[in-house]
Amino acid sequence: MKTAYMLLAQFEEAIIPLGKVCDDYFGCSLRTAMNKAKAEDLPIPTFKIGSSAKAPYYIHLNDLAEYIDAQRAKAKEEWFKVNT
């Protein structure tokens, strides 16, 4: 099954609040993820809906899926180098 479909089943929305993914997928707290988002230092794009400074950050499901797939491909390549 495609990664994007799995994420859609998990989150039930295409636009996901950063707070729902920061710990599991980026290994950091929401505060750290927000600081990284402000600095454009996360591995995927983030955005706000609205112009308020207090507006939450969001990510797009497809960006997260592409990131996961890229990380998997990289790990698989390294694994094959060691194990073949």
N, C-alpha and C. Protein backbone atom coordinates (compact mmCIF):
# COMPACT_ATOMS: atom_id res chain seq x y z
N MET A 1 0.85 -1.19 0.00
CA MET A 1 0.00 0.00 0.00
C MET A 1 0.89 1.25 0.00
N LYS A 2 0.47 2.26 -0.67
CA LYS A 2 1.24 3.50 -0.76
C LYS A 2 1.28 4.23 0.59
N THR A 3 2.39 4.86 0.84
CA THR A 3 2.61 5.57 2.10
C THR A 3 1.56 6.65 2.31
N ALA A 4 1.24 7.39 1.27
CA ALA A 4 0.26 8.47 1.41
C ALA A 4 -1.10 7.94 1.85
N TYR A 5 -1.50 6.79 1.32
CA TYR A 5 -2.79 6.21 1.73
C TYR A 5 -2.75 5.76 3.18
N MET A 6 -1.61 5.23 3.60
CA MET A 6 -1.48 4.82 4.99
C MET A 6 -1.58 6.03 5.92
N LEU A 7 -0.93 7.12 5.53
CA LEU A 7 -0.99 8.34 6.34
C LEU A 7 -2.40 8.93 6.34
N LEU A 8 -3.07 8.86 5.21
CA LEU A 8 -4.45 9.37 5.15
C LEU A 8 -5.35 8.55 6.07
N ALA A 9 -5.14 7.24 6.11
CA ALA A 9 -5.92 6.40 7.02
C ALA A 9 -5.61 6.75 8.47
N GLN A 10 -4.36 7.08 8.75
CA GLN A 10 -3.96 7.41 10.12
C GLN A 10 -4.50 8.76 10.56
N PHE A 11 -4.33 9.79 9.72
CA PHE A 11 -4.66 11.15 10.13
C PHE A 11 -6.03 11.63 9.65
N GLU A 12 -6.59 10.98 8.64
CA GLU A 12 -7.92 11.29 8.10
C GLU A 12 -8.03 12.71 7.55
N GLU A 13 -6.91 13.30 7.16
CA GLU A 13 -6.90 14.63 6.56
C GLU A 13 -5.60 14.83 5.80
N ALA A 14 -5.64 15.65 4.76
CA ALA A 14 -4.45 15.88 3.94
C ALA A 14 -3.55 16.96 4.53
N ILE A 15 -4.15 17.89 5.24
CA ILE A 15 -3.41 18.97 5.89
C ILE A 15 -3.34 18.60 7.37
N ILE A 16 -2.13 18.36 7.87
CA ILE A 16 -1.95 17.81 9.21
C ILE A 16 -1.27 18.83 10.11
N PRO A 17 -1.83 19.09 11.30
CA PRO A 17 -1.15 19.98 12.24
C PRO A 17 0.23 19.42 12.62
N LEU A 18 1.21 20.28 12.68
CA LEU A 18 2.58 19.89 13.00
C LEU A 18 2.63 19.13 14.32
N GLY A 19 1.81 19.52 15.26
CA GLY A 19 1.79 18.88 16.57
C GLY A 19 1.44 17.40 16.54
N LYS A 20 0.75 16.96 15.48
CA LYS A 20 0.37 15.55 15.38
C LYS A 20 1.50 14.67 14.85
N VAL A 21 2.53 15.27 14.27
CA VAL A 21 3.58 14.47 13.64
C VAL A 21 4.98 14.69 14.20
N CYS A 22 5.18 15.76 14.95
CA CYS A 22 6.55 16.14 15.33
C CYS A 22 7.25 15.06 16.15
N ASP A 23 6.59 14.46 17.09
CA ASP A 23 7.24 13.47 17.95
C ASP A 23 7.53 12.18 17.18
N ASP A 24 6.52 11.63 16.53
CA ASP A 24 6.67 10.34 15.85
C ASP A 24 7.57 10.40 14.62
N TYR A 25 7.48 11.46 13.85
CA TYR A 25 8.18 11.49 12.56
C TYR A 25 9.44 12.35 12.55
N PHE A 26 9.56 13.30 13.47
CA PHE A 26 10.74 14.16 13.49
C PHE A 26 11.53 14.03 14.79
N GLY A 27 11.01 13.27 15.74
CA GLY A 27 11.73 13.01 16.98
C GLY A 27 11.98 14.23 17.84
N CYS A 28 11.03 15.15 17.84
CA CYS A 28 11.21 16.35 18.66
C CYS A 28 9.86 16.81 19.21
N SER A 29 9.93 17.67 20.19
CA SER A 29 8.72 18.22 20.81
C SER A 29 8.07 19.23 19.88
N LEU A 30 6.85 19.60 20.18
CA LEU A 30 6.15 20.60 19.38
C LEU A 30 6.90 21.92 19.42
N ARG A 31 7.39 22.31 20.57
CA ARG A 31 8.12 23.58 20.69
C ARG A 31 9.35 23.59 19.77
N THR A 32 10.11 22.50 19.81
CA THR A 32 11.29 22.39 18.94
C THR A 32 10.89 22.38 17.48
N ALA A 33 9.83 21.65 17.15
CA ALA A 33 9.36 21.59 15.77
C ALA A 33 8.90 22.96 15.29
N MET A 34 8.24 23.72 16.15
CA MET A 34 7.80 25.06 15.77
C MET A 34 9.00 25.97 15.52
N ASN A 35 10.01 25.87 16.38
CA ASN A 35 11.24 26.67 16.18
C ASN A 35 11.92 26.29 14.87
N LYS A 36 11.96 24.99 14.58
CA LYS A 36 12.56 24.53 13.33
C LYS A 36 11.72 24.97 12.13
N ALA A 37 10.41 24.97 12.28
CA ALA A 37 9.54 25.41 11.19
C ALA A 37 9.78 26.89 10.89
N LYS A 38 9.90 27.69 11.93
CA LYS A 38 10.18 29.12 11.74
C LYS A 38 11.50 29.34 11.01
N ALA A 39 12.48 28.48 11.28
CA ALA A 39 13.80 28.60 10.67
C ALA A 39 13.91 27.81 9.36
N GLU A 40 12.79 27.22 8.91
CA GLU A 40 12.79 26.37 7.71
C GLU A 40 13.82 25.25 7.84
N ASP A 41 13.88 24.64 9.03
CA ASP A 41 14.89 23.63 9.33
C ASP A 41 14.31 22.23 9.51
N LEU A 42 13.06 22.03 9.16
CA LEU A 42 12.48 20.69 9.17
C LEU A 42 12.72 20.05 7.80
N PRO A 43 12.68 18.73 7.72
CA PRO A 43 12.97 18.08 6.44
C PRO A 43 11.86 18.20 5.40
N ILE A 44 10.72 18.75 5.79
CA ILE A 44 9.62 18.98 4.84
C ILE A 44 9.07 20.39 5.05
N PRO A 45 8.38 20.93 4.05
CA PRO A 45 7.82 22.28 4.19
C PRO A 45 6.70 22.33 5.24
N THR A 46 6.61 23.45 5.91
CA THR A 46 5.51 23.73 6.82
C THR A 46 4.86 25.04 6.40
N PHE A 47 3.63 25.23 6.83
CA PHE A 47 2.93 26.46 6.48
C PHE A 47 1.86 26.76 7.52
N LYS A 48 1.42 28.00 7.52
CA LYS A 48 0.32 28.44 8.38
C LYS A 48 -0.88 28.75 7.50
N ILE A 49 -2.04 28.51 8.04
CA ILE A 49 -3.27 28.93 7.38
C ILE A 49 -3.76 30.13 8.17
N GLY A 50 -3.60 31.29 7.61
CA GLY A 50 -3.90 32.51 8.32
C GLY A 50 -2.63 33.28 8.61
N SER A 51 -2.79 34.54 8.93
CA SER A 51 -1.63 35.41 9.10
C SER A 51 -1.26 35.69 10.56
N SER A 52 -2.01 35.15 11.48
CA SER A 52 -1.74 35.37 12.89
C SER A 52 -0.41 34.74 13.30
N ALA A 53 0.33 35.44 14.14
CA ALA A 53 1.59 34.89 14.65
C ALA A 53 1.34 33.64 15.48
N LYS A 54 0.14 33.53 16.04
CA LYS A 54 -0.19 32.37 16.87
C LYS A 54 -0.84 31.24 16.07
N ALA A 55 -1.00 31.42 14.78
CA ALA A 55 -1.60 30.37 13.95
C ALA A 55 -0.71 29.13 13.98
N PRO A 56 -1.31 27.95 14.05
CA PRO A 56 -0.50 26.73 14.10
C PRO A 56 0.16 26.42 12.75
N TYR A 57 1.24 25.68 12.82
CA TYR A 57 1.91 25.22 11.61
C TYR A 57 1.26 23.91 11.15
N TYR A 58 1.25 23.72 9.84
CA TYR A 58 0.72 22.51 9.23
C TYR A 58 1.74 21.94 8.26
N ILE A 59 1.55 20.66 7.95
CA ILE A 59 2.31 20.03 6.87
C ILE A 59 1.30 19.38 5.92
N HIS A 60 1.74 19.10 4.71
CA HIS A 60 0.87 18.39 3.77
C HIS A 60 1.22 16.91 3.81
N LEU A 61 0.22 16.09 3.80
CA LEU A 61 0.37 14.65 3.86
C LEU A 61 1.33 14.12 2.78
N ASN A 62 1.23 14.64 1.56
CA ASN A 62 2.10 14.16 0.48
C ASN A 62 3.57 14.46 0.75
N ASP A 63 3.86 15.61 1.36
CA ASP A 63 5.24 15.94 1.70
C ASP A 63 5.80 14.96 2.73
N LEU A 64 4.99 14.62 3.71
CA LEU A 64 5.42 13.65 4.72
C LEU A 64 5.61 12.27 4.10
N ALA A 65 4.70 11.87 3.22
CA ALA A 65 4.82 10.57 2.55
C ALA A 65 6.09 10.50 1.72
N GLU A 66 6.39 11.56 0.98
CA GLU A 66 7.61 11.58 0.16
C GLU A 66 8.86 11.51 1.04
N TYR A 67 8.83 12.19 2.17
CA TYR A 67 9.96 12.16 3.10
C TYR A 67 10.16 10.75 3.65
N ILE A 68 9.08 10.12 4.07
CA ILE A 68 9.16 8.75 4.61
C ILE A 68 9.70 7.80 3.54
N ASP A 69 9.18 7.90 2.33
CA ASP A 69 9.64 7.03 1.24
C ASP A 69 11.11 7.25 0.92
N ALA A 70 11.56 8.50 0.95
CA ALA A 70 12.97 8.80 0.68
C ALA A 70 13.86 8.24 1.79
N GLN A 71 13.43 8.37 3.04
CA GLN A 71 14.21 7.83 4.15
C GLN A 71 14.28 6.31 4.07
N ARG A 72 13.18 5.69 3.68
CA ARG A 72 13.15 4.23 3.53
C ARG A 72 14.10 3.79 2.43
N ALA A 73 14.06 4.46 1.30
CA ALA A 73 14.93 4.12 0.17
C ALA A 73 16.40 4.25 0.56
N LYS A 74 16.71 5.30 1.28
CA LYS A 74 18.08 5.53 1.74
C LYS A 74 18.52 4.41 2.69
N ALA A 75 17.67 4.05 3.63
CA ALA A 75 17.99 2.99 4.59
C ALA A 75 18.12 1.64 3.88
N LYS A 76 17.25 1.39 2.91
CA LYS A 76 17.30 0.13 2.17
C LYS A 76 18.60 0.01 1.38
N GLU A 77 19.02 1.10 0.77
CA GLU A 77 20.27 1.12 0.02
C GLU A 77 21.46 0.82 0.93
N GLU A 78 21.48 1.46 2.09
CA GLU A 78 22.56 1.21 3.05
C GLU A 78 22.54 -0.23 3.55
N TRP A 79 21.35 -0.76 3.79
CA TRP A 79 21.22 -2.13 4.27
C TRP A 79 21.79 -3.11 3.24
N PHE A 80 21.45 -2.89 1.96
CA PHE A 80 21.95 -3.76 0.90
C PHE A 80 23.47 -3.69 0.77
N LYS A 81 24.04 -2.52 0.98
CA LYS A 81 25.50 -2.38 0.93
C LYS A 81 26.17 -3.24 2.00
N VAL A 82 25.57 -3.29 3.17
CA VAL A 82 26.14 -4.03 4.29
C VAL A 82 25.84 -5.53 4.19
N ASN A 83 24.67 -5.88 3.69
CA ASN A 83 24.20 -7.26 3.76
C ASN A 83 24.27 -8.05 2.45
N THR A 84 24.88 -7.52 1.42
CA THR A 84 24.99 -8.29 0.18
C THR A 84 26.43 -8.35 -0.29
